[in-house]
Amino acid sequence: MSDPKLQRADGCSVFFSLILGLVFVFAYFLFQIFFDDVEKTELNSYTVDERRKNVDAFQLESKQFENSVDQFHANKNSNLESSMRKTIEMYSIDRQQNKIQK
């Protein structure tokens, strides 16, 4: 039989592993706080105006694309609707002819 003392988990090593993990997590966040490379600069009016122009241009382009997609779907739906109407008319004519022949 094996020695039961060898099969036990070493509680100290697990405890120290958890402590070491917590230290690394805190060190990571402290490192981010102290060594933050992002410079906080104030925005000038030129930057704000350029961003506004870009946003307006994007919104205009987005609206044009949306309108073109809506137009495409409207054309496809009208084509589909007309073909469905033709099919219904064809079947209704066939039914009427079958009733007349009977």
PDB file of N, CA and C in Angstrom:
ATOM      1  N   MET A   1       0.831  -1.176   0.000  1.00  0.00           N
ATOM      2  CA  MET A   1       0.000   0.000   0.000  1.00  0.00           C
ATOM      3  C   MET A   1       0.877   1.241   0.000  1.00  0.00           C
ATOM      4  N   SER A   2       0.290   2.297  -0.502  1.00  0.00           N
ATOM      5  CA  SER A   2       1.044   3.542  -0.567  1.00  0.00           C
ATOM      6  C   SER A   2       0.919   4.303   0.746  1.00  0.00           C
ATOM      7  N   ASP A   3       1.843   5.161   0.948  1.00  0.00           N
ATOM      8  CA  ASP A   3       1.882   5.960   2.168  1.00  0.00           C
ATOM      9  C   ASP A   3       0.847   7.083   2.076  1.00  0.00           C
ATOM     10  N   PRO A   4      -0.120   7.180   3.016  1.00  0.00           N
ATOM     11  CA  PRO A   4      -1.154   8.214   2.928  1.00  0.00           C
ATOM     12  C   PRO A   4      -0.608   9.627   3.080  1.00  0.00           C
ATOM     13  N   LYS A   5       0.518   9.795   3.708  1.00  0.00           N
ATOM     14  CA  LYS A   5       1.091  11.126   3.873  1.00  0.00           C
ATOM     15  C   LYS A   5       1.521  11.717   2.530  1.00  0.00           C
ATOM     16  N   LEU A   6       1.896  10.892   1.584  1.00  0.00           N
ATOM     17  CA  LEU A   6       2.325  11.366   0.282  1.00  0.00           C
ATOM     18  C   LEU A   6       1.148  11.799  -0.589  1.00  0.00           C
ATOM     19  N   GLN A   7      -0.060  11.300  -0.301  1.00  0.00           N
ATOM     20  CA  GLN A   7      -1.220  11.615  -1.118  1.00  0.00           C
ATOM     21  C   GLN A   7      -1.926  12.895  -0.685  1.00  0.00           C
ATOM     22  N   ARG A   8      -1.574  13.433   0.446  1.00  0.00           N
ATOM     23  CA  ARG A   8      -2.222  14.643   0.916  1.00  0.00           C
ATOM     24  C   ARG A   8      -1.740  15.846   0.128  1.00  0.00           C
ATOM     25  N   ALA A   9      -2.653  16.787  -0.058  1.00  0.00           N
ATOM     26  CA  ALA A   9      -2.275  18.028  -0.731  1.00  0.00           C
ATOM     27  C   ALA A   9      -1.564  18.911   0.278  1.00  0.00           C
ATOM     28  N   ASP A  10      -0.585  19.605  -0.198  1.00  0.00           N
ATOM     29  CA  ASP A  10       0.158  20.501   0.665  1.00  0.00           C
ATOM     30  C   ASP A  10      -0.593  21.824   0.739  1.00  0.00           C
ATOM     31  N   GLY A  11      -1.249  22.106   1.845  1.00  0.00           N
ATOM     32  CA  GLY A  11      -2.053  23.302   2.010  1.00  0.00           C
ATOM     33  C   GLY A  11      -1.244  24.571   1.938  1.00  0.00           C
ATOM     34  N   CYS A  12      -0.020  24.542   2.365  1.00  0.00           N
ATOM     35  CA  CYS A  12       0.805  25.751   2.338  1.00  0.00           C
ATOM     36  C   CYS A  12       1.118  26.169   0.910  1.00  0.00           C
ATOM     37  N   SER A  13       1.397  25.213   0.053  1.00  0.00           N
ATOM     38  CA  SER A  13       1.740  25.580  -1.318  1.00  0.00           C
ATOM     39  C   SER A  13       0.517  26.157  -2.042  1.00  0.00           C
ATOM     40  N   VAL A  14      -0.684  25.630  -1.775  1.00  0.00           N
ATOM     41  CA  VAL A  14      -1.903  26.162  -2.373  1.00  0.00           C
ATOM     42  C   VAL A  14      -2.150  27.577  -1.859  1.00  0.00           C
ATOM     43  N   PHE A  15      -1.997  27.774  -0.548  1.00  0.00           N
ATOM     44  CA  PHE A  15      -2.192  29.087   0.054  1.00  0.00           C
ATOM     45  C   PHE A  15      -1.207  30.096  -0.529  1.00  0.00           C
ATOM     46  N   PHE A  16       0.065  29.719  -0.617  1.00  0.00           N
ATOM     47  CA  PHE A  16       1.059  30.642  -1.159  1.00  0.00           C
ATOM     48  C   PHE A  16       0.835  30.898  -2.649  1.00  0.00           C
ATOM     49  N   SER A  17       0.311  29.939  -3.369  1.00  0.00           N
ATOM     50  CA  SER A  17      -0.011  30.151  -4.783  1.00  0.00           C
ATOM     51  C   SER A  17      -1.120  31.185  -4.935  1.00  0.00           C
ATOM     52  N   LEU A  18      -2.138  31.105  -4.084  1.00  0.00           N
ATOM     53  CA  LEU A  18      -3.214  32.093  -4.124  1.00  0.00           C
ATOM     54  C   LEU A  18      -2.704  33.482  -3.757  1.00  0.00           C
ATOM     55  N   ILE A  19      -1.884  33.545  -2.741  1.00  0.00           N
ATOM     56  CA  ILE A  19      -1.316  34.839  -2.334  1.00  0.00           C
ATOM     57  C   ILE A  19      -0.484  35.416  -3.470  1.00  0.00           C
ATOM     58  N   LEU A  20       0.348  34.599  -4.099  1.00  0.00           N
ATOM     59  CA  LEU A  20       1.193  35.050  -5.197  1.00  0.00           C
ATOM     60  C   LEU A  20       0.340  35.519  -6.381  1.00  0.00           C
ATOM     61  N   GLY A  21      -0.751  34.826  -6.664  1.00  0.00           N
ATOM     62  CA  GLY A  21      -1.653  35.246  -7.737  1.00  0.00           C
ATOM     63  C   GLY A  21      -2.277  36.597  -7.438  1.00  0.00           C
ATOM     64  N   LEU A  22      -2.720  36.809  -6.204  1.00  0.00           N
ATOM     65  CA  LEU A  22      -3.277  38.102  -5.826  1.00  0.00           C
ATOM     66  C   LEU A  22      -2.250  39.209  -5.939  1.00  0.00           C
ATOM     67  N   VAL A  23      -1.017  38.936  -5.559  1.00  0.00           N
ATOM     68  CA  VAL A  23       0.046  39.935  -5.669  1.00  0.00           C
ATOM     69  C   VAL A  23       0.261  40.311  -7.133  1.00  0.00           C
ATOM     70  N   PHE A  24       0.262  39.338  -8.019  1.00  0.00           N
ATOM     71  CA  PHE A  24       0.443  39.620  -9.446  1.00  0.00           C
ATOM     72  C   PHE A  24      -0.717  40.442 -10.009  1.00  0.00           C
ATOM     73  N   VAL A  25      -1.934  40.153  -9.598  1.00  0.00           N
ATOM     74  CA  VAL A  25      -3.086  40.911 -10.075  1.00  0.00           C
ATOM     75  C   VAL A  25      -2.996  42.355  -9.611  1.00  0.00           C
ATOM     76  N   PHE A  26      -2.700  42.551  -8.324  1.00  0.00           N
ATOM     77  CA  PHE A  26      -2.563  43.921  -7.823  1.00  0.00           C
ATOM     78  C   PHE A  26      -1.398  44.644  -8.481  1.00  0.00           C
ATOM     79  N   ALA A  27      -0.306  43.957  -8.714  1.00  0.00           N
ATOM     80  CA  ALA A  27       0.847  44.575  -9.366  1.00  0.00           C
ATOM     81  C   ALA A  27       0.501  45.004 -10.783  1.00  0.00           C
ATOM     82  N   TYR A  28      -0.282  44.192 -11.482  1.00  0.00           N
ATOM     83  CA  TYR A  28      -0.693  44.535 -12.842  1.00  0.00           C
ATOM     84  C   TYR A  28      -1.489  45.837 -12.856  1.00  0.00           C
ATOM     85  N   PHE A  29      -2.473  45.941 -11.955  1.00  0.00           N
ATOM     86  CA  PHE A  29      -3.288  47.152 -11.922  1.00  0.00           C
ATOM     87  C   PHE A  29      -2.493  48.366 -11.462  1.00  0.00           C
ATOM     88  N   LEU A  30      -1.612  48.198 -10.499  1.00  0.00           N
ATOM     89  CA  LEU A  30      -0.763  49.315 -10.067  1.00  0.00           C
ATOM     90  C   LEU A  30       0.158  49.761 -11.188  1.00  0.00           C
ATOM     91  N   PHE A  31       0.676  48.815 -11.939  1.00  0.00           N
ATOM     92  CA  PHE A  31       1.539  49.141 -13.077  1.00  0.00           C
ATOM     93  C   PHE A  31       0.769  49.973 -14.096  1.00  0.00           C
ATOM     94  N   GLN A  32      -0.496  49.608 -14.357  1.00  0.00           N
ATOM     95  CA  GLN A  32      -1.307  50.374 -15.301  1.00  0.00           C
ATOM     96  C   GLN A  32      -1.587  51.780 -14.797  1.00  0.00           C
ATOM     97  N   ILE A  33      -1.810  51.922 -13.527  1.00  0.00           N
ATOM     98  CA  ILE A  33      -2.107  53.244 -12.972  1.00  0.00           C
ATOM     99  C   ILE A  33      -0.892  54.164 -13.067  1.00  0.00           C
ATOM    100  N   PHE A  34       0.274  53.662 -12.693  1.00  0.00           N
ATOM    101  CA  PHE A  34       1.463  54.519 -12.636  1.00  0.00           C
ATOM    102  C   PHE A  34       2.122  54.742 -13.985  1.00  0.00           C
ATOM    103  N   PHE A  35       1.995  53.807 -14.886  1.00  0.00           N
ATOM    104  CA  PHE A  35       2.681  53.914 -16.172  1.00  0.00           C
ATOM    105  C   PHE A  35       1.698  54.061 -17.322  1.00  0.00           C
ATOM    106  N   ASP A  36       0.673  54.840 -17.127  1.00  0.00           N
ATOM    107  CA  ASP A  36      -0.323  55.085 -18.160  1.00  0.00           C
ATOM    108  C   ASP A  36       0.283  56.005 -19.214  1.00  0.00           C
ATOM    109  N   ASP A  37       0.410  55.508 -20.447  1.00  0.00           N
ATOM    110  CA  ASP A  37       1.056  56.270 -21.515  1.00  0.00           C
ATOM    111  C   ASP A  37       0.100  57.203 -22.249  1.00  0.00           C
ATOM    112  N   VAL A  38      -1.178  57.048 -22.025  1.00  0.00           N
ATOM    113  CA  VAL A  38      -2.148  57.862 -22.741  1.00  0.00           C
ATOM    114  C   VAL A  38      -2.119  59.274 -22.147  1.00  0.00           C
ATOM    115  N   GLU A  39      -1.783  60.205 -22.990  1.00  0.00           N
ATOM    116  CA  GLU A  39      -1.746  61.591 -22.540  1.00  0.00           C
ATOM    117  C   GLU A  39      -3.137  62.191 -22.660  1.00  0.00           C
ATOM    118  N   LYS A  40      -3.530  62.870 -21.624  1.00  0.00           N
ATOM    119  CA  LYS A  40      -4.847  63.492 -21.646  1.00  0.00           C
ATOM    120  C   LYS A  40      -4.661  64.917 -22.139  1.00  0.00           C
ATOM    121  N   THR A  41      -5.122  65.142 -23.362  1.00  0.00           N
ATOM    122  CA  THR A  41      -4.992  66.469 -23.961  1.00  0.00           C
ATOM    123  C   THR A  41      -6.371  67.068 -24.157  1.00  0.00           C
ATOM    124  N   GLU A  42      -6.411  68.361 -24.121  1.00  0.00           N
ATOM    125  CA  GLU A  42      -7.672  69.039 -24.371  1.00  0.00           C
ATOM    126  C   GLU A  42      -7.923  69.119 -25.874  1.00  0.00           C
ATOM    127  N   LEU A  43      -9.171  69.003 -26.235  1.00  0.00           N
ATOM    128  CA  LEU A  43      -9.526  69.064 -27.648  1.00  0.00           C
ATOM    129  C   LEU A  43      -9.666  70.527 -28.059  1.00  0.00           C
ATOM    130  N   ASN A  44      -9.094  70.822 -29.200  1.00  0.00           N
ATOM    131  CA  ASN A  44      -9.280  72.180 -29.707  1.00  0.00           C
ATOM    132  C   ASN A  44     -10.454  72.194 -30.685  1.00  0.00           C
ATOM    133  N   SER A  45     -10.856  73.359 -31.086  1.00  0.00           N
ATOM    134  CA  SER A  45     -12.048  73.473 -31.933  1.00  0.00           C
ATOM    135  C   SER A  45     -11.819  72.849 -33.306  1.00  0.00           C
ATOM    136  N   TYR A  46     -10.573  72.871 -33.798  1.00  0.00           N
ATOM    137  CA  TYR A  46     -10.289  72.271 -35.106  1.00  0.00           C
ATOM    138  C   TYR A  46     -10.565  70.765 -35.070  1.00  0.00           C
ATOM    139  N   THR A  47     -10.109  70.113 -34.011  1.00  0.00           N
ATOM    140  CA  THR A  47     -10.323  68.668 -33.881  1.00  0.00           C
ATOM    141  C   THR A  47     -11.810  68.355 -33.781  1.00  0.00           C
ATOM    142  N   VAL A  48     -12.516  69.135 -33.005  1.00  0.00           N
ATOM    143  CA  VAL A  48     -13.953  68.918 -32.849  1.00  0.00           C
ATOM    144  C   VAL A  48     -14.662  69.118 -34.186  1.00  0.00           C
ATOM    145  N   ASP A  49     -14.280  70.163 -34.933  1.00  0.00           N
ATOM    146  CA  ASP A  49     -14.901  70.412 -36.240  1.00  0.00           C
ATOM    147  C   ASP A  49     -14.609  69.288 -37.222  1.00  0.00           C
ATOM    148  N   GLU A  50     -13.381  68.793 -37.228  1.00  0.00           N
ATOM    149  CA  GLU A  50     -13.030  67.693 -38.137  1.00  0.00           C
ATOM    150  C   GLU A  50     -13.816  66.431 -37.795  1.00  0.00           C
ATOM    151  N   ARG A  51     -13.932  66.148 -36.520  1.00  0.00           N
ATOM    152  CA  ARG A  51     -14.702  64.968 -36.109  1.00  0.00           C
ATOM    153  C   ARG A  51     -16.166  65.126 -36.497  1.00  0.00           C
ATOM    154  N   ARG A  52     -16.705  66.321 -36.325  1.00  0.00           N
ATOM    155  CA  ARG A  52     -18.098  66.571 -36.683  1.00  0.00           C
ATOM    156  C   ARG A  52     -18.310  66.379 -38.184  1.00  0.00           C
ATOM    157  N   LYS A  53     -17.352  66.870 -38.998  1.00  0.00           N
ATOM    158  CA  LYS A  53     -17.464  66.692 -40.451  1.00  0.00           C
ATOM    159  C   LYS A  53     -17.422  65.217 -40.824  1.00  0.00           C
ATOM    160  N   ASN A  54     -16.534  64.471 -40.177  1.00  0.00           N
ATOM    161  CA  ASN A  54     -16.443  63.039 -40.469  1.00  0.00           C
ATOM    162  C   ASN A  54     -17.723  62.306 -40.084  1.00  0.00           C
ATOM    163  N   VAL A  55     -18.273  62.664 -38.938  1.00  0.00           N
ATOM    164  CA  VAL A  55     -19.517  62.026 -38.497  1.00  0.00           C
ATOM    165  C   VAL A  55     -20.652  62.369 -39.453  1.00  0.00           C
ATOM    166  N   ASP A  56     -20.749  63.636 -39.858  1.00  0.00           N
ATOM    167  CA  ASP A  56     -21.810  64.043 -40.786  1.00  0.00           C
ATOM    168  C   ASP A  56     -21.671  63.331 -42.135  1.00  0.00           C
ATOM    169  N   ALA A  57     -20.425  63.218 -42.616  1.00  0.00           N
ATOM    170  CA  ALA A  57     -20.193  62.525 -43.887  1.00  0.00           C
ATOM    171  C   ALA A  57     -20.585  61.054 -43.770  1.00  0.00           C
ATOM    172  N   PHE A  58     -20.240  60.438 -42.654  1.00  0.00           N
ATOM    173  CA  PHE A  58     -20.597  59.037 -42.456  1.00  0.00           C
ATOM    174  C   PHE A  58     -22.110  58.864 -42.388  1.00  0.00           C
ATOM    175  N   GLN A  59     -22.792  59.759 -41.672  1.00  0.00           N
ATOM    176  CA  GLN A  59     -24.241  59.647 -41.571  1.00  0.00           C
ATOM    177  C   GLN A  59     -24.916  59.831 -42.925  1.00  0.00           C
ATOM    178  N   LEU A  60     -24.408  60.745 -43.737  1.00  0.00           N
ATOM    179  CA  LEU A  60     -24.963  60.954 -45.079  1.00  0.00           C
ATOM    180  C   LEU A  60     -24.755  59.703 -45.938  1.00  0.00           C
ATOM    181  N   GLU A  61     -23.556  59.155 -45.895  1.00  0.00           N
ATOM    182  CA  GLU A  61     -23.259  57.946 -46.669  1.00  0.00           C
ATOM    183  C   GLU A  61     -24.103  56.776 -46.185  1.00  0.00           C
ATOM    184  N   SER A  62     -24.278  56.679 -44.897  1.00  0.00           N
ATOM    185  CA  SER A  62     -25.094  55.604 -44.333  1.00  0.00           C
ATOM    186  C   SER A  62     -26.549  55.737 -44.783  1.00  0.00           C
ATOM    187  N   LYS A  63     -27.064  56.953 -44.788  1.00  0.00           N
ATOM    188  CA  LYS A  63     -28.440  57.191 -45.213  1.00  0.00           C
ATOM    189  C   LYS A  63     -28.625  56.848 -46.696  1.00  0.00           C
ATOM    190  N   GLN A  64     -27.638  57.227 -47.521  1.00  0.00           N
ATOM    191  CA  GLN A  64     -27.713  56.910 -48.952  1.00  0.00           C
ATOM    192  C   GLN A  64     -27.702  55.403 -49.172  1.00  0.00           C
ATOM    193  N   PHE A  65     -26.859  54.701 -48.435  1.00  0.00           N
ATOM    194  CA  PHE A  65     -26.801  53.247 -48.565  1.00  0.00           C
ATOM    195  C   PHE A  65     -28.116  52.618 -48.124  1.00  0.00           C
ATOM    196  N   GLU A  66     -28.666  53.109 -47.022  1.00  0.00           N
ATOM    197  CA  GLU A  66     -29.930  52.585 -46.532  1.00  0.00           C
ATOM    198  C   GLU A  66     -31.040  52.806 -47.558  1.00  0.00           C
ATOM    199  N   ASN A  67     -31.049  53.966 -48.180  1.00  0.00           N
ATOM    200  CA  ASN A  67     -32.063  54.245 -49.211  1.00  0.00           C
ATOM    201  C   ASN A  67     -31.894  53.338 -50.419  1.00  0.00           C
ATOM    202  N   SER A  68     -30.653  53.082 -50.823  1.00  0.00           N
ATOM    203  CA  SER A  68     -30.436  52.199 -51.972  1.00  0.00           C
ATOM    204  C   SER A  68     -30.853  50.763 -51.653  1.00  0.00           C
ATOM    205  N   VAL A  69     -30.600  50.325 -50.443  1.00  0.00           N
ATOM    206  CA  VAL A  69     -31.033  48.974 -50.047  1.00  0.00           C
ATOM    207  C   VAL A  69     -32.556  48.900 -50.012  1.00  0.00           C
ATOM    208  N   ASP A  70     -33.193  49.930 -49.449  1.00  0.00           N
ATOM    209  CA  ASP A  70     -34.663  49.947 -49.414  1.00  0.00           C
ATOM    210  C   ASP A  70     -35.249  49.951 -50.820  1.00  0.00           C
ATOM    211  N   GLN A  71     -34.648  50.705 -51.730  1.00  0.00           N
ATOM    212  CA  GLN A  71     -35.121  50.750 -53.118  1.00  0.00           C
ATOM    213  C   GLN A  71     -34.965  49.378 -53.779  1.00  0.00           C
ATOM    214  N   PHE A  72     -33.842  48.728 -53.533  1.00  0.00           N
ATOM    215  CA  PHE A  72     -33.610  47.398 -54.100  1.00  0.00           C
ATOM    216  C   PHE A  72     -34.673  46.419 -53.611  1.00  0.00           C
ATOM    217  N   HIS A  73     -34.922  46.434 -52.291  1.00  0.00           N
ATOM    218  CA  HIS A  73     -35.915  45.511 -51.750  1.00  0.00           C
ATOM    219  C   HIS A  73     -37.322  45.851 -52.239  1.00  0.00           C
ATOM    220  N   ALA A  74     -37.604  47.119 -52.405  1.00  0.00           N
ATOM    221  CA  ALA A  74     -38.921  47.498 -52.930  1.00  0.00           C
ATOM    222  C   ALA A  74     -39.090  46.968 -54.352  1.00  0.00           C
ATOM    223  N   ASN A  75     -38.046  47.062 -55.177  1.00  0.00           N
ATOM    224  CA  ASN A  75     -38.118  46.535 -56.546  1.00  0.00           C
ATOM    225  C   ASN A  75     -38.278  45.023 -56.539  1.00  0.00           C
ATOM    226  N   LYS A  76     -37.520  44.358 -55.696  1.00  0.00           N
ATOM    227  CA  LYS A  76     -37.623  42.896 -55.641  1.00  0.00           C
ATOM    228  C   LYS A  76     -38.993  42.468 -55.156  1.00  0.00           C
ATOM    229  N   ASN A  77     -39.511  43.168 -54.145  1.00  0.00           N
ATOM    230  CA  ASN A  77     -40.837  42.809 -53.625  1.00  0.00           C
ATOM    231  C   ASN A  77     -41.922  43.055 -54.660  1.00  0.00           C
ATOM    232  N   SER A  78     -41.806  44.143 -55.422  1.00  0.00           N
ATOM    233  CA  SER A  78     -42.829  44.397 -56.444  1.00  0.00           C
ATOM    234  C   SER A  78     -42.728  43.352 -57.541  1.00  0.00           C
ATOM    235  N   ASN A  79     -41.517  42.941 -57.901  1.00  0.00           N
ATOM    236  CA  ASN A  79     -41.371  41.878 -58.898  1.00  0.00           C
ATOM    237  C   ASN A  79     -41.952  40.573 -58.375  1.00  0.00           C
ATOM    238  N   LEU A  80     -41.703  40.296 -57.114  1.00  0.00           N
ATOM    239  CA  LEU A  80     -42.223  39.080 -56.514  1.00  0.00           C
ATOM    240  C   LEU A  80     -43.742  39.135 -56.435  1.00  0.00           C
ATOM    241  N   GLU A  81     -44.265  40.290 -56.077  1.00  0.00           N
ATOM    242  CA  GLU A  81     -45.712  40.447 -55.980  1.00  0.00           C
ATOM    243  C   GLU A  81     -46.372  40.274 -57.348  1.00  0.00           C
ATOM    244  N   SER A  82     -45.769  40.855 -58.389  1.00  0.00           N
ATOM    245  CA  SER A  82     -46.370  40.722 -59.722  1.00  0.00           C
ATOM    246  C   SER A  82     -46.323  39.269 -60.194  1.00  0.00           C
ATOM    247  N   SER A  83     -45.236  38.571 -59.925  1.00  0.00           N
ATOM    248  CA  SER A  83     -45.166  37.162 -60.342  1.00  0.00           C
ATOM    249  C   SER A  83     -46.156  36.316 -59.547  1.00  0.00           C
ATOM    250  N   MET A  84     -46.374  36.652 -58.279  1.00  0.00           N
ATOM    251  CA  MET A  84     -47.364  35.912 -57.489  1.00  0.00           C
ATOM    252  C   MET A  84     -48.774  36.172 -58.022  1.00  0.00           C
ATOM    253  N   ARG A  85     -49.057  37.408 -58.403  1.00  0.00           N
ATOM    254  CA  ARG A  85     -50.378  37.725 -58.963  1.00  0.00           C
ATOM    255  C   ARG A  85     -50.610  36.964 -60.271  1.00  0.00           C
ATOM    256  N   LYS A  86     -49.559  36.899 -61.100  1.00  0.00           N
ATOM    257  CA  LYS A  86     -49.693  36.158 -62.363  1.00  0.00           C
ATOM    258  C   LYS A  86     -49.971  34.684 -62.089  1.00  0.00           C
ATOM    259  N   THR A  87     -49.295  34.128 -61.089  1.00  0.00           N
ATOM    260  CA  THR A  87     -49.508  32.721 -60.752  1.00  0.00           C
ATOM    261  C   THR A  87     -50.928  32.496 -60.253  1.00  0.00           C
ATOM    262  N   ILE A  88     -51.410  33.395 -59.418  1.00  0.00           N
ATOM    263  CA  ILE A  88     -52.784  33.278 -58.907  1.00  0.00           C
ATOM    264  C   ILE A  88     -53.780  33.383 -60.052  1.00  0.00           C
ATOM    265  N   GLU A  89     -53.558  34.304 -60.967  1.00  0.00           N
ATOM    266  CA  GLU A  89     -54.455  34.448 -62.112  1.00  0.00           C
ATOM    267  C   GLU A  89     -54.447  33.189 -62.972  1.00  0.00           C
ATOM    268  N   MET A  90     -53.247  32.623 -63.156  1.00  0.00           N
ATOM    269  CA  MET A  90     -53.140  31.404 -63.953  1.00  0.00           C
ATOM    270  C   MET A  90     -53.952  30.268 -63.326  1.00  0.00           C
ATOM    271  N   TYR A  91     -53.807  30.094 -62.012  1.00  0.00           N
ATOM    272  CA  TYR A  91     -54.551  29.025 -61.336  1.00  0.00           C
ATOM    273  C   TYR A  91     -56.041  29.309 -61.308  1.00  0.00           C
ATOM    274  N   SER A  92     -56.402  30.570 -61.151  1.00  0.00           N
ATOM    275  CA  SER A  92     -57.845  30.874 -61.129  1.00  0.00           C
ATOM    276  C   SER A  92     -58.458  30.645 -62.512  1.00  0.00           C
ATOM    277  N   ILE A  93     -57.737  30.957 -63.574  1.00  0.00           N
ATOM    278  CA  ILE A  93     -58.227  30.697 -64.931  1.00  0.00           C
ATOM    279  C   ILE A  93     -58.355  29.198 -65.159  1.00  0.00           C
ATOM    280  N   ASP A  94     -57.355  28.430 -64.707  1.00  0.00           N
ATOM    281  CA  ASP A  94     -57.423  26.971 -64.846  1.00  0.00           C
ATOM    282  C   ASP A  94     -58.604  26.401 -64.066  1.00  0.00           C
ATOM    283  N   ARG A  95     -58.886  26.927 -62.886  1.00  0.00           N
ATOM    284  CA  ARG A  95     -60.013  26.438 -62.097  1.00  0.00           C
ATOM    285  C   ARG A  95     -61.338  26.741 -62.786  1.00  0.00           C
ATOM    286  N   GLN A  96     -61.421  27.943 -63.332  1.00  0.00           N
ATOM    287  CA  GLN A  96     -62.656  28.326 -64.006  1.00  0.00           C
ATOM    288  C   GLN A  96     -62.871  27.446 -65.240  1.00  0.00           C
ATOM    289  N   GLN A  97     -61.801  27.157 -65.959  1.00  0.00           N
ATOM    290  CA  GLN A  97     -61.939  26.303 -67.143  1.00  0.00           C
ATOM    291  C   GLN A  97     -62.316  24.883 -66.728  1.00  0.00           C
ATOM    292  N   ASN A  98     -61.803  24.416 -65.618  1.00  0.00           N
ATOM    293  CA  ASN A  98     -62.156  23.078 -65.153  1.00  0.00           C
ATOM    294  C   ASN A  98     -63.627  23.015 -64.716  1.00  0.00           C
ATOM    295  N   LYS A  99     -64.129  24.092 -64.107  1.00  0.00           N
ATOM    296  CA  LYS A  99     -65.537  24.117 -63.704  1.00  0.00           C
ATOM    297  C   LYS A  99     -66.448  24.159 -64.921  1.00  0.00           C
ATOM    298  N   ILE A 100     -66.032  24.885 -65.953  1.00  0.00           N
ATOM    299  CA  ILE A 100     -66.837  24.972 -67.165  1.00  0.00           C
ATOM    300  C   ILE A 100     -66.881  23.633 -67.881  1.00  0.00           C
ATOM    301  N   GLN A 101     -65.790  22.916 -67.901  1.00  0.00           N
ATOM    302  CA  GLN A 101     -65.720  21.623 -68.597  1.00  0.00           C
ATOM    303  C   GLN A 101     -66.525  20.564 -67.868  1.00  0.00           C
ATOM    304  N   LYS A 102     -66.736  20.715 -66.576  1.00  0.00           N
ATOM    305  CA  LYS A 102     -67.474  19.684 -65.815  1.00  0.00           C
ATOM    306  C   LYS A 102     -68.911  19.804 -66.005  1.00  0.00           C
TER     307      LYS A 102
END
